[in-house]
Structures are given as C-alpha cells and as structure tokens.
C-alpha cells in the first residue's frame, strides 16, 4: 500500500511540474524523496 501511495504521489509531481529533476535540486534530497517520506507519514 505504501509503495502504491508513494508512486501515486510521484506521478502527481511528474504531471504537475515537468522540470522537477535532479538538475534543479543539487542537494541530497530530491523532491520525490520528500514526497515519498511525506506520503508514508500521511498514510500512517
């Protein structure tokens, strides 16, 4: 279930923002990483 929710959130980000790529985020955490952590927290 968590994997499914995380993928749903990834797809949401991909649809809404075409350029959310690692080239824009040179830190350790990519936005999808944050999304995955957040969706796990929300689900739990």
ModelCIF file with pLDDT and N, C-alpha, C, O atoms, coordinates in Angstrom:
data_MODEL
#
_entry.id   MODEL 
#
_entity.id                         1 
_entity.type                       polymer 
_entity.pdbx_number_of_molecules   1 
#
_entity_poly.entity_id                      1 
_entity_poly.type                           'polypeptide(L)' 
_entity_poly.nstd_linkage                   no 
_entity_poly.nstd_monomer                   no 
_entity_poly.pdbx_seq_one_letter_code       
;(UNK)(UNK)(UNK)(UNK)(UNK)(UNK)(UNK)(UNK)(UNK)(UNK)(UNK)(UNK)(UNK)(UNK)(UNK)(UNK)
(UNK)(UNK)(UNK)(UNK)(UNK)(UNK)(UNK)(UNK)(UNK)(UNK)(UNK)(UNK)(UNK)(UNK)(UNK)(UNK)
(UNK)(UNK)(UNK)(UNK)(UNK)(UNK)(UNK)(UNK)(UNK)(UNK)(UNK)(UNK)
;
_entity_poly.pdbx_seq_one_letter_code_can   XXXXXXXXXXXXXXXXXXXXXXXXXXXXXXXXXXXXXXXXXXXX 
_entity_poly.pdbx_strand_id                 A 
#
loop_
_entity_poly_seq.entity_id 
_entity_poly_seq.num 
_entity_poly_seq.mon_id 
_entity_poly_seq.hetero 
1 1  UNK n 
1 2  UNK n 
1 3  UNK n 
1 4  UNK n 
1 5  UNK n 
1 6  UNK n 
1 7  UNK n 
1 8  UNK n 
1 9  UNK n 
1 10 UNK n 
1 11 UNK n 
1 12 UNK n 
1 13 UNK n 
1 14 UNK n 
1 15 UNK n 
1 16 UNK n 
1 17 UNK n 
1 18 UNK n 
1 19 UNK n 
1 20 UNK n 
1 21 UNK n 
1 22 UNK n 
1 23 UNK n 
1 24 UNK n 
1 25 UNK n 
1 26 UNK n 
1 27 UNK n 
1 28 UNK n 
1 29 UNK n 
1 30 UNK n 
1 31 UNK n 
1 32 UNK n 
1 33 UNK n 
1 34 UNK n 
1 35 UNK n 
1 36 UNK n 
1 37 UNK n 
1 38 UNK n 
1 39 UNK n 
1 40 UNK n 
1 41 UNK n 
1 42 UNK n 
1 43 UNK n 
1 44 UNK n 
#
_struct_asym.id          A 
_struct_asym.entity_id   1 
#
loop_
_ma_qa_metric.id 
_ma_qa_metric.mode 
_ma_qa_metric.name 
_ma_qa_metric.software_group_id 
_ma_qa_metric.type 
1 global pLDDT . pLDDT 
2 local  pLDDT . pLDDT 
#
_ma_qa_metric_global.metric_id      1 
_ma_qa_metric_global.metric_value   65.18 
_ma_qa_metric_global.model_id       1 
_ma_qa_metric_global.ordinal_id     1 
#
loop_
_ma_qa_metric_local.label_asym_id 
_ma_qa_metric_local.label_comp_id 
_ma_qa_metric_local.label_seq_id 
_ma_qa_metric_local.metric_id 
_ma_qa_metric_local.metric_value 
_ma_qa_metric_local.model_id 
_ma_qa_metric_local.ordinal_id 
A UNK 1  2 62.00 1 1  
A UNK 2  2 60.00 1 2  
A UNK 3  2 64.00 1 3  
A UNK 4  2 67.00 1 4  
A UNK 5  2 64.00 1 5  
A UNK 6  2 62.00 1 6  
A UNK 7  2 66.00 1 7  
A UNK 8  2 66.00 1 8  
A UNK 9  2 63.00 1 9  
A UNK 10 2 62.00 1 10 
A UNK 11 2 65.00 1 11 
A UNK 12 2 61.00 1 12 
A UNK 13 2 59.00 1 13 
A UNK 14 2 59.00 1 14 
A UNK 15 2 56.00 1 15 
A UNK 16 2 48.00 1 16 
A UNK 17 2 48.00 1 17 
A UNK 18 2 47.00 1 18 
A UNK 19 2 44.00 1 19 
A UNK 20 2 43.00 1 20 
A UNK 21 2 43.00 1 21 
A UNK 22 2 41.00 1 22 
A UNK 23 2 38.00 1 23 
A UNK 24 2 43.00 1 24 
A UNK 25 2 50.00 1 25 
A UNK 26 2 52.00 1 26 
A UNK 27 2 58.00 1 27 
A UNK 28 2 67.00 1 28 
A UNK 29 2 72.00 1 29 
A UNK 30 2 72.00 1 30 
A UNK 31 2 73.00 1 31 
A UNK 32 2 73.00 1 32 
A UNK 33 2 76.00 1 33 
A UNK 34 2 80.00 1 34 
A UNK 35 2 80.00 1 35 
A UNK 36 2 78.00 1 36 
A UNK 37 2 84.00 1 37 
A UNK 38 2 89.00 1 38 
A UNK 39 2 84.00 1 39 
A UNK 40 2 85.00 1 40 
A UNK 41 2 92.00 1 41 
A UNK 42 2 93.00 1 42 
A UNK 43 2 89.00 1 43 
A UNK 44 2 90.00 1 44 
#
loop_
_atom_site.group_PDB 
_atom_site.id 
_atom_site.type_symbol 
_atom_site.label_atom_id 
_atom_site.label_alt_id 
_atom_site.label_comp_id 
_atom_site.label_asym_id 
_atom_site.label_entity_id 
_atom_site.label_seq_id 
_atom_site.pdbx_PDB_ins_code 
_atom_site.Cartn_x 
_atom_site.Cartn_y 
_atom_site.Cartn_z 
_atom_site.occupancy 
_atom_site.B_iso_or_equiv 
_atom_site.pdbx_formal_charge 
_atom_site.auth_seq_id 
_atom_site.auth_comp_id 
_atom_site.auth_asym_id 
_atom_site.auth_atom_id 
_atom_site.pdbx_PDB_model_num 
ATOM 1   N N  . UNK A 1 1  ? 0.826  -1.203 0.000   1.00 62.00 ? 1  UNK A N  1 
ATOM 2   C CA . UNK A 1 1  ? 0.000  0.000  0.000   1.00 62.00 ? 1  UNK A CA 1 
ATOM 3   C C  . UNK A 1 1  ? 0.858  1.250  0.000   1.00 62.00 ? 1  UNK A C  1 
ATOM 4   O O  . UNK A 1 1  ? 0.572  2.203  -0.725  1.00 62.00 ? 1  UNK A O  1 
ATOM 5   N N  . UNK A 1 2  ? 1.908  1.253  0.807   1.00 60.00 ? 2  UNK A N  1 
ATOM 6   C CA . UNK A 1 2  ? 2.800  2.416  0.864   1.00 60.00 ? 2  UNK A CA 1 
ATOM 7   C C  . UNK A 1 2  ? 3.496  2.637  -0.466  1.00 60.00 ? 2  UNK A C  1 
ATOM 8   O O  . UNK A 1 2  ? 3.643  3.775  -0.911  1.00 60.00 ? 2  UNK A O  1 
ATOM 9   N N  . UNK A 1 3  ? 3.924  1.555  -1.104  1.00 64.00 ? 3  UNK A N  1 
ATOM 10  C CA . UNK A 1 3  ? 4.570  1.670  -2.412  1.00 64.00 ? 3  UNK A CA 1 
ATOM 11  C C  . UNK A 1 3  ? 3.605  2.278  -3.421  1.00 64.00 ? 3  UNK A C  1 
ATOM 12  O O  . UNK A 1 3  ? 3.983  3.142  -4.212  1.00 64.00 ? 3  UNK A O  1 
ATOM 13  N N  . UNK A 1 4  ? 2.336  1.813  -3.388  1.00 67.00 ? 4  UNK A N  1 
ATOM 14  C CA . UNK A 1 4  ? 1.331  2.336  -4.305  1.00 67.00 ? 4  UNK A CA 1 
ATOM 15  C C  . UNK A 1 4  ? 1.079  3.819  -4.060  1.00 67.00 ? 4  UNK A C  1 
ATOM 16  O O  . UNK A 1 4  ? 0.996  4.607  -5.002  1.00 67.00 ? 4  UNK A O  1 
ATOM 17  N N  . UNK A 1 5  ? 0.958  4.194  -2.793  1.00 64.00 ? 5  UNK A N  1 
ATOM 18  C CA . UNK A 1 5  ? 0.729  5.600  -2.467  1.00 64.00 ? 5  UNK A CA 1 
ATOM 19  C C  . UNK A 1 5  ? 1.906  6.470  -2.876  1.00 64.00 ? 5  UNK A C  1 
ATOM 20  O O  . UNK A 1 5  ? 1.725  7.568  -3.403  1.00 64.00 ? 5  UNK A O  1 
ATOM 21  N N  . UNK A 1 6  ? 3.123  5.969  -2.630  1.00 62.00 ? 6  UNK A N  1 
ATOM 22  C CA . UNK A 1 6  ? 4.313  6.736  -2.991  1.00 62.00 ? 6  UNK A CA 1 
ATOM 23  C C  . UNK A 1 6  ? 4.374  6.944  -4.494  1.00 62.00 ? 6  UNK A C  1 
ATOM 24  O O  . UNK A 1 6  ? 4.710  8.032  -4.963  1.00 62.00 ? 6  UNK A O  1 
ATOM 25  N N  . UNK A 1 7  ? 4.046  5.893  -5.254  1.00 66.00 ? 7  UNK A N  1 
ATOM 26  C CA . UNK A 1 7  ? 4.068  6.026  -6.708  1.00 66.00 ? 7  UNK A CA 1 
ATOM 27  C C  . UNK A 1 7  ? 3.007  7.000  -7.187  1.00 66.00 ? 7  UNK A C  1 
ATOM 28  O O  . UNK A 1 7  ? 3.244  7.754  -8.130  1.00 66.00 ? 7  UNK A O  1 
ATOM 29  N N  . UNK A 1 8  ? 1.841  6.995  -6.553  1.00 66.00 ? 8  UNK A N  1 
ATOM 30  C CA . UNK A 1 8  ? 0.796  7.944  -6.906  1.00 66.00 ? 8  UNK A CA 1 
ATOM 31  C C  . UNK A 1 8  ? 1.280  9.378  -6.710  1.00 66.00 ? 8  UNK A C  1 
ATOM 32  O O  . UNK A 1 8  ? 1.014  10.255 -7.532  1.00 66.00 ? 8  UNK A O  1 
ATOM 33  N N  . UNK A 1 9  ? 1.992  9.600  -5.609  1.00 63.00 ? 9  UNK A N  1 
ATOM 34  C CA . UNK A 1 9  ? 2.490  10.942 -5.333  1.00 63.00 ? 9  UNK A CA 1 
ATOM 35  C C  . UNK A 1 9  ? 3.582  11.330 -6.325  1.00 63.00 ? 9  UNK A C  1 
ATOM 36  O O  . UNK A 1 9  ? 3.642  12.479 -6.765  1.00 63.00 ? 9  UNK A O  1 
ATOM 37  N N  . UNK A 1 10 ? 4.447  10.377 -6.680  1.00 62.00 ? 10 UNK A N  1 
ATOM 38  C CA . UNK A 1 10 ? 5.467  10.646 -7.694  1.00 62.00 ? 10 UNK A CA 1 
ATOM 39  C C  . UNK A 1 10 ? 4.820  11.051 -9.019  1.00 62.00 ? 10 UNK A C  1 
ATOM 40  O O  . UNK A 1 10 ? 5.246  12.013 -9.658  1.00 62.00 ? 10 UNK A O  1 
ATOM 41  N N  . UNK A 1 11 ? 3.791  10.312 -9.423  1.00 65.00 ? 11 UNK A N  1 
ATOM 42  C CA . UNK A 1 11 ? 3.112  10.608 -10.681 1.00 65.00 ? 11 UNK A CA 1 
ATOM 43  C C  . UNK A 1 11 ? 2.455  11.975 -10.626 1.00 65.00 ? 11 UNK A C  1 
ATOM 44  O O  . UNK A 1 11 ? 2.440  12.710 -11.613 1.00 65.00 ? 11 UNK A O  1 
ATOM 45  N N  . UNK A 1 12 ? 1.910  12.309 -9.462  1.00 61.00 ? 12 UNK A N  1 
ATOM 46  C CA . UNK A 1 12 ? 1.290  13.620 -9.307  1.00 61.00 ? 12 UNK A CA 1 
ATOM 47  C C  . UNK A 1 12 ? 2.321  14.720 -9.529  1.00 61.00 ? 12 UNK A C  1 
ATOM 48  O O  . UNK A 1 12 ? 2.061  15.684 -10.249 1.00 61.00 ? 12 UNK A O  1 
ATOM 49  N N  . UNK A 1 13 ? 3.488  14.578 -8.913  1.00 59.00 ? 13 UNK A N  1 
ATOM 50  C CA . UNK A 1 13 ? 4.543  15.568 -9.074  1.00 59.00 ? 13 UNK A CA 1 
ATOM 51  C C  . UNK A 1 13 ? 5.014  15.645 -10.512 1.00 59.00 ? 13 UNK A C  1 
ATOM 52  O O  . UNK A 1 13 ? 5.259  16.733 -11.034 1.00 59.00 ? 13 UNK A O  1 
ATOM 53  N N  . UNK A 1 14 ? 5.143  14.490 -11.155 1.00 59.00 ? 14 UNK A N  1 
ATOM 54  C CA . UNK A 1 14 ? 5.600  14.468 -12.541 1.00 59.00 ? 14 UNK A CA 1 
ATOM 55  C C  . UNK A 1 14 ? 4.609  15.170 -13.465 1.00 59.00 ? 14 UNK A C  1 
ATOM 56  O O  . UNK A 1 14 ? 5.010  15.863 -14.399 1.00 59.00 ? 14 UNK A O  1 
ATOM 57  N N  . UNK A 1 15 ? 3.318  14.991 -13.203 1.00 56.00 ? 15 UNK A N  1 
ATOM 58  C CA . UNK A 1 15 ? 2.304  15.623 -14.043 1.00 56.00 ? 15 UNK A CA 1 
ATOM 59  C C  . UNK A 1 15 ? 2.259  17.126 -13.841 1.00 56.00 ? 15 UNK A C  1 
ATOM 60  O O  . UNK A 1 15 ? 2.113  17.884 -14.801 1.00 56.00 ? 15 UNK A O  1 
ATOM 61  N N  . UNK A 1 16 ? 2.383  17.560 -12.591 1.00 48.00 ? 16 UNK A N  1 
ATOM 62  C CA . UNK A 1 16 ? 2.217  18.973 -12.299 1.00 48.00 ? 16 UNK A CA 1 
ATOM 63  C C  . UNK A 1 16 ? 3.436  19.815 -12.658 1.00 48.00 ? 16 UNK A C  1 
ATOM 64  O O  . UNK A 1 16 ? 3.306  20.962 -13.084 1.00 48.00 ? 16 UNK A O  1 
ATOM 65  N N  . UNK A 1 17 ? 4.597  19.247 -12.486 1.00 48.00 ? 17 UNK A N  1 
ATOM 66  C CA . UNK A 1 17 ? 5.819  20.025 -12.698 1.00 48.00 ? 17 UNK A CA 1 
ATOM 67  C C  . UNK A 1 17 ? 6.740  19.261 -13.630 1.00 48.00 ? 17 UNK A C  1 
ATOM 68  O O  . UNK A 1 17 ? 7.329  18.255 -13.234 1.00 48.00 ? 17 UNK A O  1 
ATOM 69  N N  . UNK A 1 18 ? 6.870  19.722 -14.851 1.00 47.00 ? 18 UNK A N  1 
ATOM 70  C CA . UNK A 1 18 ? 7.668  18.993 -15.841 1.00 47.00 ? 18 UNK A CA 1 
ATOM 71  C C  . UNK A 1 18 ? 9.151  18.991 -15.476 1.00 47.00 ? 18 UNK A C  1 
ATOM 72  O O  . UNK A 1 18 ? 9.867  18.036 -15.773 1.00 47.00 ? 18 UNK A O  1 
ATOM 73  N N  . UNK A 1 19 ? 9.601  20.048 -14.839 1.00 44.00 ? 19 UNK A N  1 
ATOM 74  C CA . UNK A 1 19 ? 11.035 20.172 -14.625 1.00 44.00 ? 19 UNK A CA 1 
ATOM 75  C C  . UNK A 1 19 ? 11.547 19.824 -13.248 1.00 44.00 ? 19 UNK A C  1 
ATOM 76  O O  . UNK A 1 19 ? 12.642 20.251 -12.882 1.00 44.00 ? 19 UNK A O  1 
ATOM 77  N N  . UNK A 1 20 ? 10.795 19.062 -12.469 1.00 43.00 ? 20 UNK A N  1 
ATOM 78  C CA . UNK A 1 20 ? 11.289 18.686 -11.145 1.00 43.00 ? 20 UNK A CA 1 
ATOM 79  C C  . UNK A 1 20 ? 12.338 17.585 -11.290 1.00 43.00 ? 20 UNK A C  1 
ATOM 80  O O  . UNK A 1 20 ? 12.071 16.418 -11.005 1.00 43.00 ? 20 UNK A O  1 
ATOM 81  N N  . UNK A 1 21 ? 13.489 17.957 -11.722 1.00 43.00 ? 21 UNK A N  1 
ATOM 82  C CA . UNK A 1 21 ? 14.542 16.973 -11.959 1.00 43.00 ? 21 UNK A CA 1 
ATOM 83  C C  . UNK A 1 21 ? 15.714 17.257 -11.041 1.00 43.00 ? 21 UNK A C  1 
ATOM 84  O O  . UNK A 1 21 ? 15.769 18.304 -10.396 1.00 43.00 ? 21 UNK A O  1 
ATOM 85  N N  . UNK A 1 22 ? 16.644 16.329 -10.985 1.00 41.00 ? 22 UNK A N  1 
ATOM 86  C CA . UNK A 1 22 ? 17.802 16.472 -10.107 1.00 41.00 ? 22 UNK A CA 1 
ATOM 87  C C  . UNK A 1 22 ? 18.659 17.669 -10.476 1.00 41.00 ? 22 UNK A C  1 
ATOM 88  O O  . UNK A 1 22 ? 19.390 18.188 -9.633  1.00 41.00 ? 22 UNK A O  1 
ATOM 89  N N  . UNK A 1 23 ? 18.582 18.119 -11.732 1.00 38.00 ? 23 UNK A N  1 
ATOM 90  C CA . UNK A 1 23 ? 19.388 19.271 -12.134 1.00 38.00 ? 23 UNK A CA 1 
ATOM 91  C C  . UNK A 1 23 ? 18.937 20.537 -11.426 1.00 38.00 ? 23 UNK A C  1 
ATOM 92  O O  . UNK A 1 23 ? 19.712 21.484 -11.291 1.00 38.00 ? 23 UNK A O  1 
ATOM 93  N N  . UNK A 1 24 ? 17.675 20.559 -10.968 1.00 43.00 ? 24 UNK A N  1 
ATOM 94  C CA . UNK A 1 24 ? 17.178 21.735 -10.253 1.00 43.00 ? 24 UNK A CA 1 
ATOM 95  C C  . UNK A 1 24 ? 17.400 21.627 -8.752  1.00 43.00 ? 24 UNK A C  1 
ATOM 96  O O  . UNK A 1 24 ? 17.317 22.620 -8.029  1.00 43.00 ? 24 UNK A O  1 
ATOM 97  N N  . UNK A 1 25 ? 17.680 20.420 -8.292  1.00 50.00 ? 25 UNK A N  1 
ATOM 98  C CA . UNK A 1 25 ? 17.823 20.198 -6.871  1.00 50.00 ? 25 UNK A CA 1 
ATOM 99  C C  . UNK A 1 25 ? 19.141 19.467 -6.623  1.00 50.00 ? 25 UNK A C  1 
ATOM 100 O O  . UNK A 1 25 ? 19.202 18.238 -6.636  1.00 50.00 ? 25 UNK A O  1 
ATOM 101 N N  . UNK A 1 26 ? 20.182 20.246 -6.398  1.00 52.00 ? 26 UNK A N  1 
ATOM 102 C CA . UNK A 1 26 ? 21.509 19.675 -6.295  1.00 52.00 ? 26 UNK A CA 1 
ATOM 103 C C  . UNK A 1 26 ? 21.862 19.253 -4.868  1.00 52.00 ? 26 UNK A C  1 
ATOM 104 O O  . UNK A 1 26 ? 22.978 18.807 -4.605  1.00 52.00 ? 26 UNK A O  1 
ATOM 105 N N  . UNK A 1 27 ? 20.908 19.398 -3.956  1.00 58.00 ? 27 UNK A N  1 
ATOM 106 C CA . UNK A 1 27 ? 21.137 18.935 -2.599  1.00 58.00 ? 27 UNK A CA 1 
ATOM 107 C C  . UNK A 1 27 ? 21.002 17.432 -2.506  1.00 58.00 ? 27 UNK A C  1 
ATOM 108 O O  . UNK A 1 27 ? 20.887 16.745 -3.522  1.00 58.00 ? 27 UNK A O  1 
ATOM 109 N N  . UNK A 1 28 ? 21.015 16.924 -1.295  1.00 67.00 ? 28 UNK A N  1 
ATOM 110 C CA . UNK A 1 28 ? 20.950 15.480 -1.090  1.00 67.00 ? 28 UNK A CA 1 
ATOM 111 C C  . UNK A 1 28 ? 19.554 14.921 -1.347  1.00 67.00 ? 28 UNK A C  1 
ATOM 112 O O  . UNK A 1 28 ? 19.415 13.768 -1.756  1.00 67.00 ? 28 UNK A O  1 
ATOM 113 N N  . UNK A 1 29 ? 18.519 15.727 -1.110  1.00 72.00 ? 29 UNK A N  1 
ATOM 114 C CA . UNK A 1 29 ? 17.149 15.245 -1.208  1.00 72.00 ? 29 UNK A CA 1 
ATOM 115 C C  . UNK A 1 29 ? 16.459 15.785 -2.451  1.00 72.00 ? 29 UNK A C  1 
ATOM 116 O O  . UNK A 1 29 ? 16.339 16.997 -2.629  1.00 72.00 ? 29 UNK A O  1 
ATOM 117 N N  . UNK A 1 30 ? 16.011 14.882 -3.304  1.00 72.00 ? 30 UNK A N  1 
ATOM 118 C CA . UNK A 1 30 ? 15.210 15.255 -4.462  1.00 72.00 ? 30 UNK A CA 1 
ATOM 119 C C  . UNK A 1 30 ? 13.762 15.425 -3.995  1.00 72.00 ? 30 UNK A C  1 
ATOM 120 O O  . UNK A 1 30 ? 13.361 14.781 -3.026  1.00 72.00 ? 30 UNK A O  1 
ATOM 121 N N  . UNK A 1 31 ? 12.967 16.271 -4.654  1.00 73.00 ? 31 UNK A N  1 
ATOM 122 C CA . UNK A 1 31 ? 11.574 16.437 -4.249  1.00 73.00 ? 31 UNK A CA 1 
ATOM 123 C C  . UNK A 1 31 ? 10.790 15.132 -4.163  1.00 73.00 ? 31 UNK A C  1 
ATOM 124 O O  . UNK A 1 31 ? 9.919  14.990 -3.305  1.00 73.00 ? 31 UNK A O  1 
ATOM 125 N N  . UNK A 1 32 ? 11.091 14.175 -5.045  1.00 73.00 ? 32 UNK A N  1 
ATOM 126 C CA . UNK A 1 32 ? 10.383 12.897 -4.981  1.00 73.00 ? 32 UNK A CA 1 
ATOM 127 C C  . UNK A 1 32 ? 10.740 12.158 -3.697  1.00 73.00 ? 32 UNK A C  1 
ATOM 128 O O  . UNK A 1 32 ? 9.903  11.443 -3.146  1.00 73.00 ? 32 UNK A O  1 
ATOM 129 N N  . UNK A 1 33 ? 11.992 12.321 -3.204  1.00 76.00 ? 33 UNK A N  1 
ATOM 130 C CA . UNK A 1 33 ? 12.361 11.727 -1.916  1.00 76.00 ? 33 UNK A CA 1 
ATOM 131 C C  . UNK A 1 33 ? 11.486 12.310 -0.805  1.00 76.00 ? 33 UNK A C  1 
ATOM 132 O O  . UNK A 1 33 ? 10.971 11.589 0.050   1.00 76.00 ? 33 UNK A O  1 
ATOM 133 N N  . UNK A 1 34 ? 11.334 13.648 -0.843  1.00 80.00 ? 34 UNK A N  1 
ATOM 134 C CA . UNK A 1 34 ? 10.490 14.289 0.159   1.00 80.00 ? 34 UNK A CA 1 
ATOM 135 C C  . UNK A 1 34 ? 9.042  13.808 0.028   1.00 80.00 ? 34 UNK A C  1 
ATOM 136 O O  . UNK A 1 34 ? 8.359  13.570 1.024   1.00 80.00 ? 34 UNK A O  1 
ATOM 137 N N  . UNK A 1 35 ? 8.591  13.672 -1.221  1.00 80.00 ? 35 UNK A N  1 
ATOM 138 C CA . UNK A 1 35 ? 7.228  13.208 -1.455  1.00 80.00 ? 35 UNK A CA 1 
ATOM 139 C C  . UNK A 1 35 ? 7.017  11.816 -0.880  1.00 80.00 ? 35 UNK A C  1 
ATOM 140 O O  . UNK A 1 35 ? 6.001  11.545 -0.240  1.00 80.00 ? 35 UNK A O  1 
ATOM 141 N N  . UNK A 1 36 ? 7.977  10.943 -1.109  1.00 78.00 ? 36 UNK A N  1 
ATOM 142 C CA . UNK A 1 36 ? 7.871  9.582  -0.598  1.00 78.00 ? 36 UNK A CA 1 
ATOM 143 C C  . UNK A 1 36 ? 7.804  9.563  0.929   1.00 78.00 ? 36 UNK A C  1 
ATOM 144 O O  . UNK A 1 36 ? 6.989  8.849  1.513   1.00 78.00 ? 36 UNK A O  1 
ATOM 145 N N  . UNK A 1 37 ? 8.668  10.352 1.569   1.00 84.00 ? 37 UNK A N  1 
ATOM 146 C CA . UNK A 1 37 ? 8.663  10.401 3.036   1.00 84.00 ? 37 UNK A CA 1 
ATOM 147 C C  . UNK A 1 37 ? 7.331  10.964 3.547   1.00 84.00 ? 37 UNK A C  1 
ATOM 148 O O  . UNK A 1 37 ? 6.759  10.463 4.516   1.00 84.00 ? 37 UNK A O  1 
ATOM 149 N N  . UNK A 1 38 ? 6.854  12.014 2.874   1.00 89.00 ? 38 UNK A N  1 
ATOM 150 C CA . UNK A 1 38 ? 5.618  12.652 3.306   1.00 89.00 ? 38 UNK A CA 1 
ATOM 151 C C  . UNK A 1 38 ? 4.428  11.715 3.157   1.00 89.00 ? 38 UNK A C  1 
ATOM 152 O O  . UNK A 1 38 ? 3.603  11.619 4.065   1.00 89.00 ? 38 UNK A O  1 
ATOM 153 N N  . UNK A 1 39 ? 4.327  11.021 2.021   1.00 84.00 ? 39 UNK A N  1 
ATOM 154 C CA . UNK A 1 39 ? 3.161  10.172 1.802   1.00 84.00 ? 39 UNK A CA 1 
ATOM 155 C C  . UNK A 1 39 ? 3.152  8.996  2.775   1.00 84.00 ? 39 UNK A C  1 
ATOM 156 O O  . UNK A 1 39 ? 2.086  8.562  3.211   1.00 84.00 ? 39 UNK A O  1 
ATOM 157 N N  . UNK A 1 40 ? 4.313  8.487  3.114   1.00 85.00 ? 40 UNK A N  1 
ATOM 158 C CA . UNK A 1 40 ? 4.361  7.426  4.122   1.00 85.00 ? 40 UNK A CA 1 
ATOM 159 C C  . UNK A 1 40 ? 3.856  7.938  5.467   1.00 85.00 ? 40 UNK A C  1 
ATOM 160 O O  . UNK A 1 40 ? 3.110  7.257  6.170   1.00 85.00 ? 40 UNK A O  1 
ATOM 161 N N  . UNK A 1 41 ? 4.278  9.144  5.803   1.00 92.00 ? 41 UNK A N  1 
ATOM 162 C CA . UNK A 1 41 ? 3.824  9.730  7.060   1.00 92.00 ? 41 UNK A CA 1 
ATOM 163 C C  . UNK A 1 41 ? 2.314  9.948  7.041   1.00 92.00 ? 41 UNK A C  1 
ATOM 164 O O  . UNK A 1 41 ? 1.628  9.617  8.008   1.00 92.00 ? 41 UNK A O  1 
ATOM 165 N N  . UNK A 1 42 ? 1.794  10.504 5.944   1.00 93.00 ? 42 UNK A N  1 
ATOM 166 C CA . UNK A 1 42 ? 0.367  10.765 5.842   1.00 93.00 ? 42 UNK A CA 1 
ATOM 167 C C  . UNK A 1 42 ? -0.422 9.466  5.958   1.00 93.00 ? 42 UNK A C  1 
ATOM 168 O O  . UNK A 1 42 ? -1.405 9.401  6.696   1.00 93.00 ? 42 UNK A O  1 
ATOM 169 N N  . UNK A 1 43 ? 0.001  8.439  5.239   1.00 89.00 ? 43 UNK A N  1 
ATOM 170 C CA . UNK A 1 43 ? -0.720 7.174  5.260   1.00 89.00 ? 43 UNK A CA 1 
ATOM 171 C C  . UNK A 1 43 ? -0.738 6.553  6.653   1.00 89.00 ? 43 UNK A C  1 
ATOM 172 O O  . UNK A 1 43 ? -1.756 6.011  7.084   1.00 89.00 ? 43 UNK A O  1 
ATOM 173 N N  . UNK A 1 44 ? 0.381  6.634  7.347   1.00 90.00 ? 44 UNK A N  1 
ATOM 174 C CA . UNK A 1 44 ? 0.461  6.042  8.681   1.00 90.00 ? 44 UNK A CA 1 
ATOM 175 C C  . UNK A 1 44 ? -0.261 6.878  9.734   1.00 90.00 ? 44 UNK A C  1 
ATOM 176 O O  . UNK A 1 44 ? -0.282 6.509  10.908  1.00 90.00 ? 44 UNK A O  1 
#
